[in-house]
C-alpha atoms as a PDB file:
ATOM      1  CA  UNK A   1     124.243  79.500 101.251  1.00  0.00           C
ATOM      2  CA  UNK A   2     126.808  82.445 102.185  1.00  0.00           C
ATOM      3  CA  UNK A   3     123.797  84.431 104.285  1.00  0.00           C
ATOM      4  CA  UNK A   4     124.626  88.071 102.659  1.00  0.00           C
ATOM      5  CA  UNK A   5     123.072  90.891 103.820  1.00  0.00           C
ATOM      6  CA  UNK A   6     123.141  93.316 100.806  1.00  0.00           C
ATOM      7  CA  UNK A   7     123.126  97.103 100.461  1.00  0.00           C
ATOM      8  CA  UNK A   8     121.554  97.414  96.992  1.00  0.00           C
ATOM      9  CA  UNK A   9     122.499 100.484  94.848  1.00  0.00           C
ATOM     10  CA  UNK A  10     123.728 103.800  95.253  1.00  0.00           C
ATOM     11  CA  UNK A  11     127.400 104.233  96.219  1.00  0.00           C
ATOM     12  CA  UNK A  12     129.341 107.709  95.504  1.00  0.00           C
ATOM     13  CA  UNK A  13     130.939 110.406  97.336  1.00  0.00           C
ATOM     14  CA  UNK A  14     129.682 113.117  99.910  1.00  0.00           C
ATOM     15  CA  UNK A  15     131.105 116.406  98.643  1.00  0.00           C
ATOM     16  CA  UNK A  16     130.329 117.655 102.132  1.00  0.00           C
ATOM     17  CA  UNK A  17     132.321 121.608 103.378  1.00  0.00           C
ATOM     18  CA  UNK A  18     135.353 119.090 104.871  1.00  0.00           C
ATOM     19  CA  UNK A  19     136.217 116.979 101.873  1.00  0.00           C
ATOM     20  CA  UNK A  20     134.470 113.855  99.810  1.00  0.00           C
ATOM     21  CA  UNK A  21     133.202 111.441 102.443  1.00  0.00           C
ATOM     22  CA  UNK A  22     132.205 107.636 101.537  1.00  0.00           C
ATOM     23  CA  UNK A  23     128.620 107.103 101.241  1.00  0.00           C
ATOM     24  CA  UNK A  24     125.243 106.083  99.719  1.00  0.00           C
ATOM     25  CA  UNK A  25     122.469 104.779 101.310  1.00  0.00           C
ATOM     26  CA  UNK A  26     123.063 101.261 100.677  1.00  0.00           C
ATOM     27  CA  UNK A  27     126.497 100.896 101.193  1.00  0.00           C
ATOM     28  CA  UNK A  28     126.716 102.698 104.722  1.00  0.00           C
ATOM     29  CA  UNK A  29     124.010 100.075 105.630  1.00  0.00           C
ATOM     30  CA  UNK A  30     125.641  97.034 104.267  1.00  0.00           C
ATOM     31  CA  UNK A  31     129.090  98.694 106.179  1.00  0.00           C
ATOM     32  CA  UNK A  32     126.621  98.181 109.727  1.00  0.00           C
ATOM     33  CA  UNK A  33     125.648  95.390 108.892  1.00  0.00           C
ATOM     34  CA  UNK A  34     129.340  94.490 109.419  1.00  0.00           C
ATOM     35  CA  UNK A  35     130.391  95.954 112.315  1.00  0.00           C
ATOM     36  CA  UNK A  36     127.641  93.485 113.533  1.00  0.00           C
ATOM     37  CA  UNK A  37     129.612  90.548 112.258  1.00  0.00           C
ATOM     38  CA  UNK A  38     127.418  89.482 109.762  1.00  0.00           C
ATOM     39  CA  UNK A  39     127.905  89.105 105.655  1.00  0.00           C
ATOM     40  CA  UNK A  40     127.689  92.847 104.665  1.00  0.00           C
ATOM     41  CA  UNK A  41     128.053  93.757 100.764  1.00  0.00           C
ATOM     42  CA  UNK A  42     127.019  96.210  98.846  1.00  0.00           C
ATOM     43  CA  UNK A  43     126.391  95.904  95.699  1.00  0.00           C
ATOM     44  CA  UNK A  44     126.378  98.594  92.660  1.00  0.00           C
ATOM     45  CA  UNK A  45     128.332 100.251  90.058  1.00  0.00           C
ATOM     46  CA  UNK A  46     131.280 102.632  89.819  1.00  0.00           C
ATOM     47  CA  UNK A  47     132.874 104.343  86.828  1.00  0.00           C
ATOM     48  CA  UNK A  48     136.311 103.403  85.231  1.00  0.00           C
ATOM     49  CA  UNK A  49     137.280 106.682  86.814  1.00  0.00           C
ATOM     50  CA  UNK A  50     139.682 107.843  89.607  1.00  0.00           C
ATOM     51  CA  UNK A  51     136.568 107.605  92.307  1.00  0.00           C
ATOM     52  CA  UNK A  52     135.778 104.730  91.408  1.00  0.00           C
ATOM     53  CA  UNK A  53     139.284 103.984  91.944  1.00  0.00           C
ATOM     54  CA  UNK A  54     138.703 105.641  95.504  1.00  0.00           C
ATOM     55  CA  UNK A  55     135.546 103.766  96.477  1.00  0.00           C
ATOM     56  CA  UNK A  56     137.655 100.911  96.001  1.00  0.00           C
ATOM     57  CA  UNK A  57     140.273 101.442  97.975  1.00  0.00           C
ATOM     58  CA  UNK A  58     138.275 103.193 100.836  1.00  0.00           C
ATOM     59  CA  UNK A  59     135.885 100.656 101.205  1.00  0.00           C
ATOM     60  CA  UNK A  60     138.899  97.942 101.523  1.00  0.00           C
ATOM     61  CA  UNK A  61     140.184  99.112 105.194  1.00  0.00           C
ATOM     62  CA  UNK A  62     137.014  99.095 106.622  1.00  0.00           C
ATOM     63  CA  UNK A  63     136.276  95.215 106.209  1.00  0.00           C
ATOM     64  CA  UNK A  64     133.133  95.951 103.681  1.00  0.00           C
ATOM     65  CA  UNK A  65     132.977  93.126 100.609  1.00  0.00           C
ATOM     66  CA  UNK A  66     131.526  95.145  97.646  1.00  0.00           C
ATOM     67  CA  UNK A  67     130.678  93.786  94.413  1.00  0.00           C
ATOM     68  CA  UNK A  68     130.895  96.658  91.905  1.00  0.00           C
ATOM     69  CA  UNK A  69     130.110  96.514  88.493  1.00  0.00           C
ATOM     70  CA  UNK A  70     132.260  99.255  86.483  1.00  0.00           C
ATOM     71  CA  UNK A  71     130.270 100.854  83.525  1.00  0.00           C
ATOM     72  CA  UNK A  72     130.491 104.055  80.888  1.00  0.00           C
ATOM     73  CA  UNK A  73     128.974 106.410  83.405  1.00  0.00           C
ATOM     74  CA  UNK A  74     131.046 108.545  86.520  1.00  0.00           C
ATOM     75  CA  UNK A  75     130.752 107.681  89.736  1.00  0.00           C
ATOM     76  CA  UNK A  76     128.290 108.857  91.433  1.00  0.00           C
ATOM     77  CA  UNK A  77     128.323 112.558  93.756  1.00  0.00           C
ATOM     78  CA  UNK A  78     126.265 114.360  95.841  1.00  0.00           C
ATOM     79  CA  UNK A  79     126.753 117.833  97.038  1.00  0.00           C
ATOM     80  CA  UNK A  80     126.137 118.320 100.937  1.00  0.00           C
ATOM     81  CA  UNK A  81     125.646 121.044 102.256  1.00  0.00           C
ATOM     82  CA  UNK A  82     124.395 121.174 106.023  1.00  0.00           C
ATOM     83  CA  UNK A  83     122.143 123.205 107.859  1.00  0.00           C
ATOM     84  CA  UNK A  84     123.240 125.055 111.056  1.00  0.00           C
ATOM     85  CA  UNK A  85     122.470 122.101 113.427  1.00  0.00           C
ATOM     86  CA  UNK A  86     123.978 119.784 111.046  1.00  0.00           C
ATOM     87  CA  UNK A  87     120.967 118.540 109.293  1.00  0.00           C
ATOM     88  CA  UNK A  88     121.836 117.897 105.593  1.00  0.00           C
ATOM     89  CA  UNK A  89     120.498 118.965 102.497  1.00  0.00           C
ATOM     90  CA  UNK A  90     121.910 117.729  98.938  1.00  0.00           C
ATOM     91  CA  UNK A  91     121.698 118.065  95.680  1.00  0.00           C
ATOM     92  CA  UNK A  92     121.924 115.162  93.665  1.00  0.00           C
ATOM     93  CA  UNK A  93     123.999 114.343  90.219  1.00  0.00           C
ATOM     94  CA  UNK A  94     122.207 112.339  87.668  1.00  0.00           C
ATOM     95  CA  UNK A  95     123.391 110.021  84.746  1.00  0.00           C
ATOM     96  CA  UNK A  96     125.878 108.551  87.219  1.00  0.00           C
ATOM     97  CA  UNK A  97     126.955 104.882  87.281  1.00  0.00           C
ATOM     98  CA  UNK A  98     124.848 103.964  89.965  1.00  0.00           C
ATOM     99  CA  UNK A  99     121.865 104.622  87.748  1.00  0.00           C
ATOM    100  CA  UNK A 100     122.837 101.637  85.195  1.00  0.00           C
ATOM    101  CA  UNK A 101     123.823  98.868  87.676  1.00  0.00           C
ATOM    102  CA  UNK A 102     123.266  96.064  85.097  1.00  0.00           C
ATOM    103  CA  UNK A 103     121.791  92.678  86.217  1.00  0.00           C
ATOM    104  CA  UNK A 104     124.541  90.269  85.791  1.00  0.00           C
ATOM    105  CA  UNK A 105     125.358  86.293  86.874  1.00  0.00           C
ATOM    106  CA  UNK A 106     127.837  87.517  89.915  1.00  0.00           C
ATOM    107  CA  UNK A 107     124.972  89.754  91.477  1.00  0.00           C
ATOM    108  CA  UNK A 108     122.590  87.210  90.468  1.00  0.00           C
ATOM    109  CA  UNK A 109     125.067  84.682  92.603  1.00  0.00           C
ATOM    110  CA  UNK A 110     124.877  87.502  95.752  1.00  0.00           C
ATOM    111  CA  UNK A 111     120.514  87.650  95.051  1.00  0.00           C
ATOM    112  CA  UNK A 112     120.491  83.291  95.286  1.00  0.00           C
ATOM    113  CA  UNK A 113     122.939  83.752  98.466  1.00  0.00           C
ATOM    114  CA  UNK A 114     120.706  86.631 100.197  1.00  0.00           C
ATOM    115  CA  UNK A 115     119.616  86.045 103.545  1.00  0.00           C
ATOM    116  CA  UNK A 116     118.549  90.400 103.036  1.00  0.00           C
ATOM    117  CA  UNK A 117     118.206  93.216 101.546  1.00  0.00           C
ATOM    118  CA  UNK A 118     117.803  96.875 102.112  1.00  0.00           C
ATOM    119  CA  UNK A 119     117.603  99.308  99.254  1.00  0.00           C
ATOM    120  CA  UNK A 120     115.637 102.388  98.170  1.00  0.00           C
ATOM    121  CA  UNK A 121     114.290 105.086  96.049  1.00  0.00           C
ATOM    122  CA  UNK A 122     116.973 106.822  94.833  1.00  0.00           C
ATOM    123  CA  UNK A 123     118.971 103.908  92.373  1.00  0.00           C
ATOM    124  CA  UNK A 124     115.275 103.456  90.659  1.00  0.00           C
ATOM    125  CA  UNK A 125     115.110 106.746  89.190  1.00  0.00           C
ATOM    126  CA  UNK A 126     116.478 105.262  86.284  1.00  0.00           C
ATOM    127  CA  UNK A 127     115.370 102.087  83.948  1.00  0.00           C
ATOM    128  CA  UNK A 128     118.822  99.846  84.297  1.00  0.00           C
ATOM    129  CA  UNK A 129     119.123 100.073  87.937  1.00  0.00           C
ATOM    130  CA  UNK A 130     115.562  99.687  88.515  1.00  0.00           C
ATOM    131  CA  UNK A 131     115.485  96.511  87.101  1.00  0.00           C
ATOM    132  CA  UNK A 132     118.086  94.601  88.713  1.00  0.00           C
ATOM    133  CA  UNK A 133     116.834  95.522  92.200  1.00  0.00           C
ATOM    134  CA  UNK A 134     114.221  93.941  91.529  1.00  0.00           C
ATOM    135  CA  UNK A 135     115.507  91.220  89.710  1.00  0.00           C
ATOM    136  CA  UNK A 136     117.524  91.130  92.949  1.00  0.00           C
ATOM    137  CA  UNK A 137     114.163  90.820  95.131  1.00  0.00           C
ATOM    138  CA  UNK A 138     112.190  88.363  92.740  1.00  0.00           C
ATOM    139  CA  UNK A 139     115.883  86.109  93.421  1.00  0.00           C
ATOM    140  CA  UNK A 140     116.085  85.657  96.447  1.00  0.00           C
ATOM    141  CA  UNK A 141     114.307  83.031  98.638  1.00  0.00           C
ATOM    142  CA  UNK A 142     110.765  83.990  99.172  1.00  0.00           C
ATOM    143  CA  UNK A 143     110.725  82.815 102.405  1.00  0.00           C
ATOM    144  CA  UNK A 144     112.748  83.814 105.996  1.00  0.00           C
ATOM    145  CA  UNK A 145     114.459  86.516 104.311  1.00  0.00           C
ATOM    146  CA  UNK A 146     114.511  90.176 104.512  1.00  0.00           C
ATOM    147  CA  UNK A 147     113.947  92.879 102.050  1.00  0.00           C
ATOM    148  CA  UNK A 148     114.207  96.457 103.761  1.00  0.00           C
ATOM    149  CA  UNK A 149     112.564  99.556 101.529  1.00  0.00           C
ATOM    150  CA  UNK A 150     114.560 102.537 103.433  1.00  0.00           C
ATOM    151  CA  UNK A 151     112.281 104.544 101.404  1.00  0.00           C
ATOM    152  CA  UNK A 152     114.742 107.961 101.217  1.00  0.00           C
ATOM    153  CA  UNK A 153     112.571 110.192  99.365  1.00  0.00           C
ATOM    154  CA  UNK A 154     115.503 112.264  97.672  1.00  0.00           C
ATOM    155  CA  UNK A 155     114.198 115.471  95.737  1.00  0.00           C
ATOM    156  CA  UNK A 156     112.217 114.831  93.163  1.00  0.00           C
ATOM    157  CA  UNK A 157     113.648 111.088  92.709  1.00  0.00           C
ATOM    158  CA  UNK A 158     110.667 109.038  93.133  1.00  0.00           C
ATOM    159  CA  UNK A 159     107.001 108.088  91.987  1.00  0.00           C
ATOM    160  CA  UNK A 160     103.854 106.594  92.436  1.00  0.00           C
ATOM    161  CA  UNK A 161     104.697 103.637  90.642  1.00  0.00           C
ATOM    162  CA  UNK A 162     108.267 103.421  91.609  1.00  0.00           C
ATOM    163  CA  UNK A 163     106.861 103.019  95.472  1.00  0.00           C
ATOM    164  CA  UNK A 164     104.513 100.971  94.993  1.00  0.00           C
ATOM    165  CA  UNK A 165     106.149  98.211  92.922  1.00  0.00           C
ATOM    166  CA  UNK A 166     108.803  98.240  96.235  1.00  0.00           C
ATOM    167  CA  UNK A 167     106.080  97.548  98.618  1.00  0.00           C
ATOM    168  CA  UNK A 168     104.667  94.836  96.643  1.00  0.00           C
ATOM    169  CA  UNK A 169     108.287  93.488  97.085  1.00  0.00           C
ATOM    170  CA  UNK A 170     109.516  94.381 100.524  1.00  0.00           C
ATOM    171  CA  UNK A 171     108.904  93.097 104.126  1.00  0.00           C
ATOM    172  CA  UNK A 172     109.938  96.076 106.125  1.00  0.00           C
ATOM    173  CA  UNK A 173     109.152  99.654 105.017  1.00  0.00           C
ATOM    174  CA  UNK A 174     111.608 102.372 106.933  1.00  0.00           C
ATOM    175  CA  UNK A 175     110.724 106.129 106.407  1.00  0.00           C
ATOM    176  CA  UNK A 176     111.227 109.248 108.445  1.00  0.00           C
ATOM    177  CA  UNK A 177     108.570 111.609 109.659  1.00  0.00           C
ATOM    178  CA  UNK A 178     108.662 113.508 106.611  1.00  0.00           C
ATOM    179  CA  UNK A 179     108.283 110.934 103.842  1.00  0.00           C
ATOM    180  CA  UNK A 180     105.074 109.387 105.704  1.00  0.00           C
ATOM    181  CA  UNK A 181     102.846 112.044 105.303  1.00  0.00           C
ATOM    182  CA  UNK A 182     104.262 112.651 101.480  1.00  0.00           C
ATOM    183  CA  UNK A 183     103.914 108.498 100.950  1.00  0.00           C
ATOM    184  CA  UNK A 184     100.397 108.386 102.483  1.00  0.00           C
ATOM    185  CA  UNK A 185      99.415 111.444 100.017  1.00  0.00           C
ATOM    186  CA  UNK A 186     101.134 109.649  97.132  1.00  0.00           C
ATOM    187  CA  UNK A 187      99.709 106.318  97.281  1.00  0.00           C
ATOM    188  CA  UNK A 188      95.616 107.339  98.074  1.00  0.00           C
ATOM    189  CA  UNK A 189      96.153 106.706 101.551  1.00  0.00           C
ATOM    190  CA  UNK A 190      95.034 109.566 102.541  1.00  0.00           C
ATOM    191  CA  UNK A 191      91.733 108.640 104.367  1.00  0.00           C
ATOM    192  CA  UNK A 192      90.000 105.187 104.594  1.00  0.00           C
ATOM    193  CA  UNK A 193      86.220 104.561 104.853  1.00  0.00           C
ATOM    194  CA  UNK A 194      84.053 105.397 107.878  1.00  0.00           C
ATOM    195  CA  UNK A 195      82.766 101.940 109.730  1.00  0.00           C
ATOM    196  CA  UNK A 196      79.291 103.997 110.008  1.00  0.00           C
ATOM    197  CA  UNK A 197      78.847 104.458 105.875  1.00  0.00           C
ATOM    198  CA  UNK A 198      79.569 107.964 106.658  1.00  0.00           C
ATOM    199  CA  UNK A 199      82.474 110.040 104.431  1.00  0.00           C
ATOM    200  CA  UNK A 200      85.698 108.800 105.101  1.00  0.00           C
ATOM    201  CA  UNK A 201      87.627 109.359 108.016  1.00  0.00           C
ATOM    202  CA  UNK A 202      91.082 111.022 107.734  1.00  0.00           C
ATOM    203  CA  UNK A 203      93.871 109.132 108.375  1.00  0.00           C
ATOM    204  CA  UNK A 204      96.041 112.392 110.341  1.00  0.00           C
ATOM    205  CA  UNK A 205      97.683 110.772 113.039  1.00  0.00           C
ATOM    206  CA  UNK A 206     100.698 108.472 112.091  1.00  0.00           C
ATOM    207  CA  UNK A 207     100.517 105.467 113.441  1.00  0.00           C
ATOM    208  CA  UNK A 208      97.025 105.282 111.512  1.00  0.00           C
ATOM    209  CA  UNK A 209      99.378 105.953 108.281  1.00  0.00           C
ATOM    210  CA  UNK A 210     101.614 102.900 109.304  1.00  0.00           C
ATOM    211  CA  UNK A 211      99.596 100.716 110.020  1.00  0.00           C
ATOM    212  CA  UNK A 212      97.792 101.491 106.692  1.00  0.00           C
ATOM    213  CA  UNK A 213     100.438 101.031 104.578  1.00  0.00           C
ATOM    214  CA  UNK A 214     101.105  98.167 106.519  1.00  0.00           C
ATOM    215  CA  UNK A 215      97.934  96.412 106.003  1.00  0.00           C
ATOM    216  CA  UNK A 216      97.480  97.509 102.793  1.00  0.00           C
ATOM    217  CA  UNK A 217     101.044  96.136 101.571  1.00  0.00           C
ATOM    218  CA  UNK A 218     100.907  92.879 103.610  1.00  0.00           C
ATOM    219  CA  UNK A 219     104.126  94.308 105.727  1.00  0.00           C
ATOM    220  CA  UNK A 220     105.569  92.113 108.859  1.00  0.00           C
ATOM    221  CA  UNK A 221     106.655  95.640 110.215  1.00  0.00           C
ATOM    222  CA  UNK A 222     107.082  99.769 109.839  1.00  0.00           C
ATOM    223  CA  UNK A 223     109.766 101.641 111.158  1.00  0.00           C
ATOM    224  CA  UNK A 224     109.332 105.387 111.925  1.00  0.00           C
ATOM    225  CA  UNK A 225     111.731 107.920 112.790  1.00  0.00           C
ATOM    226  CA  UNK A 226     110.954 111.161 114.081  1.00  0.00           C
ATOM    227  CA  UNK A 227     114.167 113.015 114.511  1.00  0.00           C
ATOM    228  CA  UNK A 228     114.533 114.030 118.382  1.00  0.00           C
ATOM    229  CA  UNK A 229     111.380 112.634 118.585  1.00  0.00           C
ATOM    230  CA  UNK A 230     112.095 109.622 118.676  1.00  0.00           C
ATOM    231  CA  UNK A 231     111.285 106.823 116.454  1.00  0.00           C
ATOM    232  CA  UNK A 232     108.238 103.554 116.547  1.00  0.00           C
ATOM    233  CA  UNK A 233     108.694 100.236 115.082  1.00  0.00           C
ATOM    234  CA  UNK A 234     105.293  99.300 114.206  1.00  0.00           C
ATOM    235  CA  UNK A 235     104.491  95.182 113.901  1.00  0.00           C
ATOM    236  CA  UNK A 236     101.786  92.963 111.692  1.00  0.00           C
ATOM    237  CA  UNK A 237     100.733  92.090 115.308  1.00  0.00           C
ATOM    238  CA  UNK A 238      99.638  95.620 116.402  1.00  0.00           C
ATOM    239  CA  UNK A 239     102.664  95.775 118.674  1.00  0.00           C
ATOM    240  CA  UNK A 240     104.794  99.507 119.052  1.00  0.00           C
ATOM    241  CA  UNK A 241     107.954  99.771 120.543  1.00  0.00           C
ATOM    242  CA  UNK A 242     108.466 103.242 121.042  1.00  0.00           C
ATOM    243  CA  UNK A 243     112.356 104.862 121.739  1.00  0.00           C
ATOM    244  CA  UNK A 244     113.441 108.085 122.220  1.00  0.00           C
ATOM    245  CA  UNK A 245     116.106 110.057 120.575  1.00  0.00           C
ATOM    246  CA  UNK A 246     119.619 110.270 123.460  1.00  0.00           C
ATOM    247  CA  UNK A 247     120.229 113.944 123.479  1.00  0.00           C
ATOM    248  CA  UNK A 248     123.768 114.187 121.535  1.00  0.00           C
ATOM    249  CA  UNK A 249     126.374 116.849 120.354  1.00  0.00           C
ATOM    250  CA  UNK A 250     125.409 116.437 116.744  1.00  0.00           C
ATOM    251  CA  UNK A 251     128.588 116.503 114.514  1.00  0.00           C
ATOM    252  CA  UNK A 252     126.019 115.838 111.429  1.00  0.00           C
ATOM    253  CA  UNK A 253     123.307 113.565 110.682  1.00  0.00           C
ATOM    254  CA  UNK A 254     124.115 111.999 106.953  1.00  0.00           C
ATOM    255  CA  UNK A 255     124.124 108.303 107.476  1.00  0.00           C
ATOM    256  CA  UNK A 256     122.767 108.613 110.697  1.00  0.00           C
ATOM    257  CA  UNK A 257     118.788 106.784 109.268  1.00  0.00           C
ATOM    258  CA  UNK A 258     121.049 104.221 107.286  1.00  0.00           C
ATOM    259  CA  UNK A 259     123.117 103.364 111.037  1.00  0.00           C
ATOM    260  CA  UNK A 260     120.150 102.989 112.206  1.00  0.00           C
ATOM    261  CA  UNK A 261     118.325 100.035 109.713  1.00  0.00           C
ATOM    262  CA  UNK A 262     121.852  98.379 109.647  1.00  0.00           C
ATOM    263  CA  UNK A 263     122.062  98.435 112.619  1.00  0.00           C
ATOM    264  CA  UNK A 264     118.125  97.614 113.785  1.00  0.00           C
ATOM    265  CA  UNK A 265     118.768  94.459 110.752  1.00  0.00           C
ATOM    266  CA  UNK A 266     122.119  93.050 112.606  1.00  0.00           C
ATOM    267  CA  UNK A 267     120.159  92.132 115.704  1.00  0.00           C
ATOM    268  CA  UNK A 268     117.427  91.235 113.890  1.00  0.00           C
ATOM    269  CA  UNK A 269     119.082  88.617 112.334  1.00  0.00           C
ATOM    270  CA  UNK A 270     120.606  87.614 115.259  1.00  0.00           C
ATOM    271  CA  UNK A 271     117.984  86.338 117.273  1.00  0.00           C
ATOM    272  CA  UNK A 272     117.287  89.153 119.005  1.00  0.00           C
ATOM    273  CA  UNK A 273     113.619  90.284 119.490  1.00  0.00           C
ATOM    274  CA  UNK A 274     112.345  93.955 118.133  1.00  0.00           C
ATOM    275  CA  UNK A 275     112.554  96.076 121.402  1.00  0.00           C
ATOM    276  CA  UNK A 276     115.834  94.972 121.980  1.00  0.00           C
ATOM    277  CA  UNK A 277     116.880  95.530 117.495  1.00  0.00           C
ATOM    278  CA  UNK A 278     115.224  98.652 118.528  1.00  0.00           C
ATOM    279  CA  UNK A 279     117.128 100.414 121.286  1.00  0.00           C
ATOM    280  CA  UNK A 280     120.176  98.876 119.437  1.00  0.00           C
ATOM    281  CA  UNK A 281     119.767 101.070 116.457  1.00  0.00           C
ATOM    282  CA  UNK A 282     118.592 103.944 118.123  1.00  0.00           C
ATOM    283  CA  UNK A 283     121.925 103.772 120.254  1.00  0.00           C
ATOM    284  CA  UNK A 284     124.357 103.331 116.743  1.00  0.00           C
ATOM    285  CA  UNK A 285     122.652 105.633 115.065  1.00  0.00           C
ATOM    286  CA  UNK A 286     123.078 108.496 118.152  1.00  0.00           C
ATOM    287  CA  UNK A 287     126.682 107.778 118.232  1.00  0.00           C
ATOM    288  CA  UNK A 288     126.570 108.320 114.167  1.00  0.00           C
ATOM    289  CA  UNK A 289     125.543 111.781 114.902  1.00  0.00           C
ATOM    290  CA  UNK A 290     128.328 112.650 116.852  1.00  0.00           C
ATOM    291  CA  UNK A 291     130.792 111.787 113.831  1.00  0.00           C
ATOM    292  CA  UNK A 292     131.838 113.489 110.378  1.00  0.00           C
ATOM    293  CA  UNK A 293     130.657 111.163 107.513  1.00  0.00           C
ATOM    294  CA  UNK A 294     128.455 108.463 106.899  1.00  0.00           C
ATOM    295  CA  UNK A 295     130.292 105.392 107.987  1.00  0.00           C
ATOM    296  CA  UNK A 296     132.757 106.174 110.834  1.00  0.00           C
ATOM    297  CA  UNK A 297     134.511 103.781 113.221  1.00  0.00           C
ATOM    298  CA  UNK A 298     131.924 102.470 116.228  1.00  0.00           C
ATOM    299  CA  UNK A 299     133.502 101.242 119.504  1.00  0.00           C
ATOM    300  CA  UNK A 300     133.165  97.516 120.177  1.00  0.00           C
ATOM    301  CA  UNK A 301     130.982  98.058 122.722  1.00  0.00           C
ATOM    302  CA  UNK A 302     128.559  99.351 121.181  1.00  0.00           C
ATOM    303  CA  UNK A 303     128.489  96.437 118.594  1.00  0.00           C
ATOM    304  CA  UNK A 304     128.116  93.269 121.468  1.00  0.00           C
END
């Protein structure tokens, strides 16, 4: 067992106002996991083009392991525009390499040796990558592994079917305060039966919504980030961890959520508890917000 921690799904270039920056949520996750000395690896697909070559060249100095299948589709790109407070808006190209990640013996071997994986909804918009992602999840050891569904809803590239199937196969869900209401409505979890036998009770409180998802899909925990209002980790045993969001000077928030997930998972896998891991995740993601791009160099003292 090689104990890989895998970012599985899209790898791409974010085309920002100041140029192309390497990105893709699963790749960002793997990068941040690897910063903590774990065996992070990005698994995706690239095109047989200049952008594909550039992705490999940019990954190597970052020290991130990768397995990138070369396919007959262009390497993924996303046009990113930033609002006045650094919040990104995305225009995501369709029919690209990460939509067509093939299931191969090499990827199967990585799955058999994976201690954890993070995947999202975007790379599942096409059946080829969706099938590969779910074969990967099914191939991982059924006990003792972390399967993190960092949902990352983008534009209209998601469906109830994709979300439900992913929730049935993950044990940790991460989403933000904008996504929780969308997911709750999409799954038909907007209300729960009244204990008194009357009309259903509306789930207007996000904690009720989160705990309903945990119960319905048998999750170990659900991570909810709420921007400047802080973040929560809801656990299956009924406990909750809350951390406020530090006030920082924001350069852009691209990749901040992925750094949160990577730091949280890395800390858990290194034996820390929920609260310690939560604090580490908040600290790392706050720092990433002060930098440009999704994979900045993290100061070594933050990784201790």
